[in-house]
Amino acid sequence: MSEEAPQEQPEDDDDLRYFVRIGQTDLDGTKSVERSLSEMNGIGRRSARIIAEEAGIDRTATFGRLEDEEIDSIVELVENYADEVPDWLNNRQHDFFSGETTHEIGNDLQLTRQHDINRMKMIDSYKGARHKRGQKVRGQRTKSTGRTEGTIGVNVEEIREEQAEEAAAAEEDDE
């Protein structure tokens, strides 16, 4: 007779939050703290690890099972991330208009990036001109990739359709 190992009972899902809201972003509560935080715009794996360490929380713990106080401390650390880390770790150094160093997250990051692109287009810088034309901006090759004009090769189906139409027209003329 073979002895079967006792199966582990899954933990109660009553205390699991499936979504945890930080700012304007819903984070997955079924994943680990590090993985959930890194899904947020402006926070990568390194930033998520720093935030979990500063909050004193195990980064591999399930995010939805944390206590309210722990989640509040994570939210506070995410909002004040720029104050906790050195300037070189922030994603918005020496802002053009204010000159401040900040760390943008969520929708603010997308809006700031769009404002920067629009400013480059307005002043007609090299990068702005490339953005206007829809070309690659960061020096990538453009000879063989990034073509947007559609099919370059021969469209066999279209040729066959035209030939079939011509043959049908020729048959009608013969009758």
N, C-alpha and C. Protein backbone atom coordinates (compact mmCIF):
# COMPACT_ATOMS: atom_id res chain seq x y z
N MET A 1 0.83 -1.18 0.00
CA MET A 1 0.00 0.00 0.00
C MET A 1 0.88 1.24 0.00
N SER A 2 0.50 2.17 -0.81
CA SER A 2 1.27 3.41 -0.85
C SER A 2 0.56 4.46 -0.01
N GLU A 3 1.36 5.15 0.74
CA GLU A 3 0.80 6.22 1.57
C GLU A 3 0.79 7.50 0.77
N GLU A 4 -0.32 8.15 0.75
CA GLU A 4 -0.41 9.42 0.04
C GLU A 4 -0.11 10.54 1.02
N ALA A 5 0.61 11.52 0.54
CA ALA A 5 0.92 12.68 1.38
C ALA A 5 -0.37 13.46 1.60
N PRO A 6 -0.55 13.94 2.81
CA PRO A 6 -1.77 14.71 3.05
C PRO A 6 -1.77 15.98 2.19
N GLN A 7 -2.89 16.22 1.56
CA GLN A 7 -2.99 17.39 0.72
C GLN A 7 -3.19 18.62 1.59
N GLU A 8 -2.49 19.70 1.20
CA GLU A 8 -2.61 20.94 1.96
C GLU A 8 -3.92 21.63 1.59
N GLN A 9 -4.58 22.11 2.60
CA GLN A 9 -5.82 22.83 2.37
C GLN A 9 -5.50 24.26 1.93
N PRO A 10 -6.18 24.76 0.91
CA PRO A 10 -5.93 26.14 0.51
C PRO A 10 -6.41 27.08 1.62
N GLU A 11 -5.69 28.19 1.73
CA GLU A 11 -6.06 29.16 2.76
C GLU A 11 -7.42 29.76 2.43
N ASP A 12 -8.09 30.24 3.46
CA ASP A 12 -9.40 30.86 3.24
C ASP A 12 -9.25 32.08 2.35
N ASP A 13 -10.14 32.18 1.38
CA ASP A 13 -10.11 33.33 0.49
C ASP A 13 -10.98 34.47 1.01
N ASP A 14 -11.48 34.31 2.25
CA ASP A 14 -12.33 35.36 2.80
C ASP A 14 -11.55 36.64 3.06
N ASP A 15 -10.30 36.50 3.51
CA ASP A 15 -9.52 37.68 3.85
C ASP A 15 -8.65 38.16 2.69
N LEU A 16 -8.82 37.58 1.50
CA LEU A 16 -8.03 37.96 0.33
C LEU A 16 -8.73 39.07 -0.43
N ARG A 17 -8.03 40.17 -0.64
CA ARG A 17 -8.55 41.24 -1.50
C ARG A 17 -8.04 40.97 -2.90
N TYR A 18 -8.93 40.89 -3.86
CA TYR A 18 -8.50 40.60 -5.22
C TYR A 18 -7.94 41.83 -5.91
N PHE A 19 -8.38 43.01 -5.49
CA PHE A 19 -7.87 44.25 -6.05
C PHE A 19 -7.48 45.18 -4.92
N VAL A 20 -6.31 45.80 -5.05
CA VAL A 20 -5.86 46.81 -4.10
C VAL A 20 -5.63 48.07 -4.90
N ARG A 21 -6.27 49.16 -4.49
CA ARG A 21 -6.21 50.41 -5.26
C ARG A 21 -5.16 51.34 -4.67
N ILE A 22 -4.22 51.73 -5.53
CA ILE A 22 -3.21 52.73 -5.16
C ILE A 22 -3.30 53.84 -6.20
N GLY A 23 -3.62 55.04 -5.74
CA GLY A 23 -3.80 56.15 -6.68
C GLY A 23 -4.99 55.86 -7.57
N GLN A 24 -4.74 55.85 -8.88
CA GLN A 24 -5.81 55.57 -9.84
C GLN A 24 -5.60 54.20 -10.50
N THR A 25 -4.85 53.33 -9.84
CA THR A 25 -4.50 52.04 -10.42
C THR A 25 -4.99 50.91 -9.53
N ASP A 26 -5.63 49.92 -10.12
CA ASP A 26 -6.02 48.71 -9.41
C ASP A 26 -4.91 47.69 -9.56
N LEU A 27 -4.38 47.22 -8.45
CA LEU A 27 -3.32 46.22 -8.47
C LEU A 27 -3.88 44.86 -8.12
N ASP A 28 -3.30 43.81 -8.67
CA ASP A 28 -3.76 42.44 -8.47
C ASP A 28 -3.38 41.99 -7.07
N GLY A 29 -4.38 41.63 -6.26
CA GLY A 29 -4.13 41.21 -4.88
C GLY A 29 -3.72 39.76 -4.76
N THR A 30 -3.83 38.99 -5.83
CA THR A 30 -3.47 37.57 -5.75
C THR A 30 -1.99 37.34 -6.00
N LYS A 31 -1.26 38.37 -6.42
CA LYS A 31 0.17 38.23 -6.71
C LYS A 31 0.99 38.71 -5.53
N SER A 32 2.30 38.53 -5.62
CA SER A 32 3.18 38.98 -4.54
C SER A 32 3.25 40.51 -4.54
N VAL A 33 3.74 41.07 -3.45
CA VAL A 33 3.82 42.52 -3.30
C VAL A 33 4.70 43.10 -4.41
N GLU A 34 5.86 42.49 -4.62
CA GLU A 34 6.79 43.01 -5.63
C GLU A 34 6.19 42.96 -7.03
N ARG A 35 5.58 41.85 -7.39
CA ARG A 35 5.01 41.71 -8.72
C ARG A 35 3.83 42.66 -8.93
N SER A 36 2.97 42.82 -7.93
CA SER A 36 1.82 43.72 -8.06
C SER A 36 2.26 45.16 -8.22
N LEU A 37 3.21 45.58 -7.39
CA LEU A 37 3.68 46.97 -7.48
C LEU A 37 4.35 47.25 -8.81
N SER A 38 5.06 46.26 -9.36
CA SER A 38 5.77 46.50 -10.61
C SER A 38 4.82 46.60 -11.81
N GLU A 39 3.56 46.22 -11.64
CA GLU A 39 2.58 46.38 -12.71
C GLU A 39 2.12 47.83 -12.83
N MET A 40 2.42 48.64 -11.85
CA MET A 40 2.02 50.04 -11.85
C MET A 40 2.98 50.85 -12.72
N ASN A 41 2.45 51.76 -13.53
CA ASN A 41 3.30 52.60 -14.37
C ASN A 41 4.23 53.44 -13.50
N GLY A 42 5.51 53.43 -13.80
CA GLY A 42 6.47 54.24 -13.06
C GLY A 42 7.15 53.49 -11.94
N ILE A 43 6.75 52.26 -11.68
CA ILE A 43 7.38 51.46 -10.63
C ILE A 43 7.82 50.15 -11.25
N GLY A 44 9.11 49.90 -11.22
CA GLY A 44 9.67 48.67 -11.75
C GLY A 44 9.97 47.69 -10.63
N ARG A 45 10.69 46.63 -10.97
CA ARG A 45 11.00 45.61 -9.97
C ARG A 45 11.90 46.16 -8.88
N ARG A 46 12.87 46.97 -9.25
CA ARG A 46 13.78 47.53 -8.26
C ARG A 46 13.05 48.47 -7.30
N SER A 47 12.23 49.34 -7.86
CA SER A 47 11.46 50.27 -7.02
C SER A 47 10.51 49.52 -6.11
N ALA A 48 9.86 48.47 -6.63
CA ALA A 48 8.93 47.69 -5.82
C ALA A 48 9.67 47.01 -4.67
N ARG A 49 10.86 46.53 -4.94
CA ARG A 49 11.65 45.88 -3.89
C ARG A 49 12.05 46.88 -2.81
N ILE A 50 12.44 48.10 -3.21
CA ILE A 50 12.80 49.14 -2.25
C ILE A 50 11.61 49.51 -1.40
N ILE A 51 10.43 49.65 -2.01
CA ILE A 51 9.22 50.04 -1.28
C ILE A 51 8.86 48.97 -0.26
N ALA A 52 8.91 47.71 -0.66
CA ALA A 52 8.58 46.62 0.27
C ALA A 52 9.58 46.57 1.43
N GLU A 53 10.84 46.81 1.13
CA GLU A 53 11.87 46.79 2.17
C GLU A 53 11.68 47.95 3.16
N GLU A 54 11.37 49.14 2.63
CA GLU A 54 11.15 50.30 3.50
C GLU A 54 9.92 50.11 4.39
N ALA A 55 8.89 49.43 3.86
CA ALA A 55 7.67 49.20 4.64
C ALA A 55 7.85 48.06 5.63
N GLY A 56 8.93 47.30 5.51
CA GLY A 56 9.17 46.18 6.42
C GLY A 56 8.27 44.99 6.13
N ILE A 57 7.95 44.79 4.85
CA ILE A 57 7.05 43.72 4.44
C ILE A 57 7.82 42.76 3.54
N ASP A 58 7.53 41.47 3.70
CA ASP A 58 8.14 40.48 2.84
C ASP A 58 7.65 40.70 1.41
N ARG A 59 8.59 40.84 0.48
CA ARG A 59 8.21 41.16 -0.90
C ARG A 59 7.53 40.00 -1.60
N THR A 60 7.65 38.78 -1.06
CA THR A 60 7.00 37.63 -1.67
C THR A 60 5.63 37.34 -1.07
N ALA A 61 5.20 38.13 -0.08
CA ALA A 61 3.89 37.93 0.53
C ALA A 61 2.79 38.29 -0.46
N THR A 62 1.65 37.63 -0.34
CA THR A 62 0.52 37.93 -1.21
C THR A 62 -0.03 39.29 -0.85
N PHE A 63 -0.17 40.14 -1.88
CA PHE A 63 -0.53 41.54 -1.65
C PHE A 63 -1.93 41.68 -1.06
N GLY A 64 -2.86 40.85 -1.47
CA GLY A 64 -4.24 40.96 -1.00
C GLY A 64 -4.45 40.46 0.41
N ARG A 65 -3.48 39.74 0.99
CA ARG A 65 -3.61 39.23 2.35
C ARG A 65 -2.98 40.14 3.40
N LEU A 66 -2.40 41.25 2.99
CA LEU A 66 -1.77 42.16 3.95
C LEU A 66 -2.83 42.88 4.78
N GLU A 67 -2.41 43.31 5.95
CA GLU A 67 -3.30 44.08 6.83
C GLU A 67 -3.49 45.48 6.25
N ASP A 68 -4.54 46.17 6.71
CA ASP A 68 -4.83 47.52 6.23
C ASP A 68 -3.69 48.48 6.53
N GLU A 69 -3.07 48.36 7.71
CA GLU A 69 -1.98 49.27 8.07
C GLU A 69 -0.79 49.07 7.14
N GLU A 70 -0.51 47.82 6.79
CA GLU A 70 0.62 47.53 5.90
C GLU A 70 0.35 48.09 4.49
N ILE A 71 -0.87 47.95 4.03
CA ILE A 71 -1.22 48.49 2.71
C ILE A 71 -1.15 50.01 2.73
N ASP A 72 -1.60 50.62 3.82
CA ASP A 72 -1.52 52.08 3.94
C ASP A 72 -0.08 52.56 3.93
N SER A 73 0.80 51.80 4.59
CA SER A 73 2.21 52.21 4.60
C SER A 73 2.82 52.07 3.19
N ILE A 74 2.40 51.05 2.44
CA ILE A 74 2.89 50.90 1.07
C ILE A 74 2.38 52.05 0.20
N VAL A 75 1.10 52.41 0.35
CA VAL A 75 0.53 53.52 -0.42
C VAL A 75 1.29 54.81 -0.13
N GLU A 76 1.58 55.05 1.14
CA GLU A 76 2.31 56.26 1.53
C GLU A 76 3.71 56.27 0.94
N LEU A 77 4.39 55.12 0.97
CA LEU A 77 5.73 55.04 0.41
C LEU A 77 5.73 55.21 -1.11
N VAL A 78 4.70 54.70 -1.78
CA VAL A 78 4.61 54.88 -3.23
C VAL A 78 4.42 56.36 -3.56
N GLU A 79 3.56 57.04 -2.81
CA GLU A 79 3.30 58.46 -3.09
C GLU A 79 4.51 59.34 -2.75
N ASN A 80 5.29 58.95 -1.76
CA ASN A 80 6.46 59.74 -1.35
C ASN A 80 7.77 59.07 -1.76
N TYR A 81 7.74 58.34 -2.86
CA TYR A 81 8.91 57.57 -3.29
C TYR A 81 10.10 58.48 -3.60
N ALA A 82 9.85 59.64 -4.19
CA ALA A 82 10.93 60.56 -4.57
C ALA A 82 11.72 61.04 -3.36
N ASP A 83 11.08 61.13 -2.20
CA ASP A 83 11.76 61.60 -0.99
C ASP A 83 12.61 60.51 -0.36
N GLU A 84 12.27 59.25 -0.62
CA GLU A 84 12.94 58.12 0.04
C GLU A 84 14.20 57.67 -0.67
N VAL A 85 14.32 57.95 -1.97
CA VAL A 85 15.43 57.40 -2.75
C VAL A 85 16.33 58.54 -3.25
N PRO A 86 17.57 58.22 -3.65
CA PRO A 86 18.44 59.25 -4.20
C PRO A 86 17.91 59.78 -5.53
N ASP A 87 18.37 60.97 -5.92
CA ASP A 87 17.86 61.62 -7.12
C ASP A 87 18.06 60.80 -8.39
N TRP A 88 19.15 60.06 -8.47
CA TRP A 88 19.42 59.31 -9.69
C TRP A 88 18.46 58.16 -9.90
N LEU A 89 17.69 57.80 -8.89
CA LEU A 89 16.75 56.70 -9.01
C LEU A 89 15.35 57.17 -9.40
N ASN A 90 15.14 58.49 -9.46
CA ASN A 90 13.83 59.02 -9.85
C ASN A 90 13.71 59.06 -11.36
N ASN A 91 12.47 59.01 -11.85
CA ASN A 91 12.27 58.98 -13.29
C ASN A 91 12.04 60.35 -13.91
N ARG A 92 12.06 61.41 -13.14
CA ARG A 92 11.83 62.76 -13.66
C ARG A 92 12.84 63.70 -13.01
N GLN A 93 14.06 63.73 -13.54
CA GLN A 93 15.11 64.53 -12.96
C GLN A 93 15.17 65.90 -13.65
N HIS A 94 15.28 66.95 -12.86
CA HIS A 94 15.42 68.32 -13.37
C HIS A 94 14.34 68.64 -14.40
N ASP A 95 13.11 68.69 -13.94
CA ASP A 95 11.97 68.98 -14.81
C ASP A 95 12.21 70.27 -15.58
N PHE A 96 11.78 70.33 -16.84
CA PHE A 96 12.05 71.48 -17.70
C PHE A 96 11.43 72.76 -17.15
N PHE A 97 10.22 72.66 -16.64
CA PHE A 97 9.52 73.87 -16.19
C PHE A 97 9.83 74.22 -14.75
N SER A 98 9.84 73.24 -13.85
CA SER A 98 10.03 73.54 -12.43
C SER A 98 11.47 73.33 -11.98
N GLY A 99 12.23 72.51 -12.67
CA GLY A 99 13.60 72.24 -12.26
C GLY A 99 13.71 71.25 -11.12
N GLU A 100 12.59 70.70 -10.67
CA GLU A 100 12.60 69.78 -9.54
C GLU A 100 12.83 68.34 -10.01
N THR A 101 13.22 67.50 -9.07
CA THR A 101 13.37 66.08 -9.34
C THR A 101 12.22 65.36 -8.65
N THR A 102 11.40 64.67 -9.43
CA THR A 102 10.24 63.97 -8.90
C THR A 102 10.20 62.55 -9.47
N HIS A 103 9.29 61.76 -8.94
CA HIS A 103 9.07 60.43 -9.47
C HIS A 103 7.60 60.32 -9.83
N GLU A 104 7.30 60.26 -11.12
CA GLU A 104 5.93 60.20 -11.60
C GLU A 104 5.45 58.76 -11.63
N ILE A 105 4.18 58.55 -11.26
CA ILE A 105 3.60 57.21 -11.31
C ILE A 105 2.21 57.29 -11.92
N GLY A 106 1.74 56.19 -12.45
CA GLY A 106 0.38 56.09 -12.96
C GLY A 106 0.13 56.98 -14.16
N ASN A 107 -1.03 57.61 -14.17
CA ASN A 107 -1.44 58.46 -15.29
C ASN A 107 -0.58 59.71 -15.40
N ASP A 108 -0.03 60.18 -14.27
CA ASP A 108 0.83 61.36 -14.30
C ASP A 108 2.04 61.13 -15.19
N LEU A 109 2.58 59.91 -15.17
CA LEU A 109 3.74 59.59 -15.99
C LEU A 109 3.39 59.68 -17.47
N GLN A 110 2.23 59.15 -17.85
CA GLN A 110 1.82 59.21 -19.25
C GLN A 110 1.57 60.65 -19.70
N LEU A 111 0.92 61.45 -18.84
CA LEU A 111 0.66 62.85 -19.19
C LEU A 111 1.95 63.64 -19.33
N THR A 112 2.89 63.43 -18.43
CA THR A 112 4.16 64.13 -18.48
C THR A 112 4.93 63.76 -19.75
N ARG A 113 4.94 62.48 -20.08
CA ARG A 113 5.63 62.04 -21.29
C ARG A 113 5.00 62.67 -22.53
N GLN A 114 3.66 62.74 -22.56
CA GLN A 114 2.98 63.33 -23.71
C GLN A 114 3.27 64.83 -23.81
N HIS A 115 3.35 65.53 -22.67
CA HIS A 115 3.70 66.95 -22.68
C HIS A 115 5.10 67.15 -23.22
N ASP A 116 6.03 66.30 -22.83
CA ASP A 116 7.40 66.41 -23.33
C ASP A 116 7.46 66.22 -24.84
N ILE A 117 6.73 65.24 -25.35
CA ILE A 117 6.72 64.98 -26.79
C ILE A 117 6.10 66.16 -27.53
N ASN A 118 5.01 66.72 -27.00
CA ASN A 118 4.37 67.87 -27.63
C ASN A 118 5.30 69.09 -27.63
N ARG A 119 6.06 69.27 -26.54
CA ARG A 119 7.02 70.39 -26.48
C ARG A 119 8.11 70.21 -27.53
N MET A 120 8.61 68.98 -27.69
CA MET A 120 9.62 68.72 -28.71
C MET A 120 9.08 68.99 -30.11
N LYS A 121 7.80 68.65 -30.35
CA LYS A 121 7.20 68.91 -31.64
C LYS A 121 7.06 70.41 -31.88
N MET A 122 6.66 71.15 -30.83
CA MET A 122 6.45 72.59 -30.96
C MET A 122 7.75 73.31 -31.31
N ILE A 123 8.83 72.98 -30.62
CA ILE A 123 10.09 73.69 -30.87
C ILE A 123 10.83 73.10 -32.07
N ASP A 124 10.25 72.06 -32.67
CA ASP A 124 10.77 71.45 -33.88
C ASP A 124 12.20 70.96 -33.70
N SER A 125 12.43 70.31 -32.58
CA SER A 125 13.74 69.68 -32.38
C SER A 125 13.83 68.45 -33.27
N TYR A 126 15.01 67.86 -33.34
CA TYR A 126 15.19 66.69 -34.20
C TYR A 126 14.24 65.57 -33.77
N LYS A 127 14.21 65.30 -32.45
CA LYS A 127 13.31 64.25 -31.95
C LYS A 127 11.85 64.61 -32.21
N GLY A 128 11.51 65.89 -32.07
CA GLY A 128 10.14 66.32 -32.33
C GLY A 128 9.74 66.13 -33.78
N ALA A 129 10.67 66.44 -34.70
CA ALA A 129 10.38 66.25 -36.12
C ALA A 129 10.19 64.78 -36.43
N ARG A 130 10.98 63.90 -35.81
CA ARG A 130 10.83 62.46 -36.02
C ARG A 130 9.47 61.99 -35.47
N HIS A 131 9.08 62.53 -34.30
CA HIS A 131 7.77 62.18 -33.74
C HIS A 131 6.65 62.62 -34.68
N LYS A 132 6.76 63.83 -35.24
CA LYS A 132 5.74 64.34 -36.14
C LYS A 132 5.55 63.43 -37.34
N ARG A 133 6.66 62.95 -37.91
CA ARG A 133 6.60 62.13 -39.11
C ARG A 133 6.31 60.67 -38.81
N GLY A 134 6.27 60.31 -37.52
CA GLY A 134 6.00 58.94 -37.15
C GLY A 134 7.16 58.01 -37.40
N GLN A 135 8.38 58.57 -37.43
CA GLN A 135 9.57 57.76 -37.66
C GLN A 135 10.21 57.38 -36.34
N LYS A 136 11.19 56.51 -36.39
CA LYS A 136 11.89 56.10 -35.17
C LYS A 136 12.69 57.27 -34.64
N VAL A 137 12.74 57.39 -33.31
CA VAL A 137 13.29 58.57 -32.68
C VAL A 137 14.68 58.33 -32.10
N ARG A 138 14.96 57.12 -31.67
CA ARG A 138 16.17 56.86 -30.89
C ARG A 138 17.32 56.25 -31.68
N GLY A 139 17.41 56.53 -32.96
CA GLY A 139 18.56 56.10 -33.73
C GLY A 139 18.51 54.68 -34.25
N GLN A 140 17.33 54.06 -34.23
CA GLN A 140 17.23 52.70 -34.75
C GLN A 140 17.34 52.71 -36.28
N ARG A 141 17.58 51.55 -36.83
CA ARG A 141 17.63 51.42 -38.29
C ARG A 141 16.23 51.57 -38.87
N THR A 142 16.16 52.19 -40.04
CA THR A 142 14.86 52.37 -40.68
C THR A 142 14.84 51.81 -42.09
N LYS A 143 15.96 51.26 -42.58
CA LYS A 143 16.00 50.75 -43.95
C LYS A 143 15.08 49.55 -44.13
N SER A 144 15.10 48.66 -43.14
CA SER A 144 14.36 47.41 -43.30
C SER A 144 13.19 47.26 -42.33
N THR A 145 13.11 48.06 -41.27
CA THR A 145 12.03 47.89 -40.30
C THR A 145 11.23 49.18 -40.17
N GLY A 146 10.07 49.08 -39.57
CA GLY A 146 9.26 50.26 -39.30
C GLY A 146 8.51 50.76 -40.51
N ARG A 147 8.34 49.92 -41.52
CA ARG A 147 7.64 50.36 -42.72
C ARG A 147 6.14 50.31 -42.47
N THR A 148 5.45 51.38 -42.85
CA THR A 148 4.02 51.46 -42.55
C THR A 148 3.17 51.63 -43.79
N GLU A 149 3.74 51.55 -44.97
CA GLU A 149 2.98 51.81 -46.19
C GLU A 149 2.19 50.60 -46.67
N GLY A 150 2.20 49.51 -45.94
CA GLY A 150 1.43 48.34 -46.34
C GLY A 150 2.30 47.32 -47.02
N THR A 151 1.67 46.47 -47.83
CA THR A 151 2.37 45.36 -48.46
C THR A 151 3.32 45.86 -49.53
N ILE A 152 4.53 45.35 -49.52
CA ILE A 152 5.52 45.74 -50.51
C ILE A 152 5.58 44.70 -51.62
N GLY A 153 5.40 43.44 -51.30
CA GLY A 153 5.53 42.35 -52.26
C GLY A 153 4.34 42.25 -53.19
N VAL A 154 4.30 41.17 -53.96
CA VAL A 154 3.23 40.93 -54.93
C VAL A 154 2.05 40.30 -54.22
N ASN A 155 0.86 40.82 -54.49
CA ASN A 155 -0.36 40.29 -53.90
C ASN A 155 -0.99 39.32 -54.90
N VAL A 156 -0.73 38.04 -54.72
CA VAL A 156 -1.15 37.01 -55.67
C VAL A 156 -2.67 36.90 -55.72
N GLU A 157 -3.34 37.00 -54.59
CA GLU A 157 -4.80 36.87 -54.56
C GLU A 157 -5.46 37.95 -55.39
N GLU A 158 -4.96 39.16 -55.28
CA GLU A 158 -5.53 40.27 -56.04
C GLU A 158 -5.35 40.05 -57.54
N ILE A 159 -4.20 39.54 -57.94
CA ILE A 159 -3.94 39.27 -59.36
C ILE A 159 -4.88 38.19 -59.86
N ARG A 160 -5.08 37.13 -59.10
CA ARG A 160 -6.00 36.05 -59.50
C ARG A 160 -7.43 36.55 -59.64
N GLU A 161 -7.86 37.43 -58.72
CA GLU A 161 -9.20 37.99 -58.81
C GLU A 161 -9.36 38.81 -60.08
N GLU A 162 -8.35 39.62 -60.40
CA GLU A 162 -8.42 40.43 -61.61
C GLU A 162 -8.48 39.54 -62.86
N GLN A 163 -7.67 38.47 -62.87
CA GLN A 163 -7.68 37.56 -64.01
C GLN A 163 -9.04 36.88 -64.15
N ALA A 164 -9.64 36.49 -63.03
CA ALA A 164 -10.95 35.85 -63.06
C ALA A 164 -12.01 36.82 -63.59
N GLU A 165 -11.93 38.09 -63.18
CA GLU A 165 -12.88 39.09 -63.66
C GLU A 165 -12.70 39.32 -65.16
N GLU A 166 -11.44 39.37 -65.62
CA GLU A 166 -11.18 39.56 -67.05
C GLU A 166 -11.69 38.38 -67.86
N ALA A 167 -11.48 37.15 -67.32
CA ALA A 167 -11.96 35.96 -68.02
C ALA A 167 -13.49 35.96 -68.10
N ALA A 168 -14.15 36.37 -67.01
CA ALA A 168 -15.62 36.43 -67.01
C ALA A 168 -16.11 37.48 -68.00
N ALA A 169 -15.43 38.59 -68.07
CA ALA A 169 -15.81 39.66 -69.01
C ALA A 169 -15.59 39.19 -70.45
N ALA A 170 -14.51 38.44 -70.70
CA ALA A 170 -14.23 37.94 -72.05
C ALA A 170 -15.28 36.95 -72.48
N GLU A 171 -15.75 36.08 -71.57
CA GLU A 171 -16.79 35.10 -71.89
C GLU A 171 -18.10 35.79 -72.24
N GLU A 172 -18.43 36.86 -71.55
CA GLU A 172 -19.68 37.59 -71.83
C GLU A 172 -19.60 38.25 -73.19
N ASP A 173 -18.42 38.74 -73.56
CA ASP A 173 -18.27 39.38 -74.86
C ASP A 173 -18.39 38.37 -75.99
N ASP A 174 -17.92 37.12 -75.75
CA ASP A 174 -17.98 36.07 -76.77
C ASP A 174 -19.42 35.63 -77.02
N GLU A 175 -20.25 35.74 -76.08
CA GLU A 175 -21.65 35.27 -76.23
C GLU A 175 -22.47 36.24 -76.93
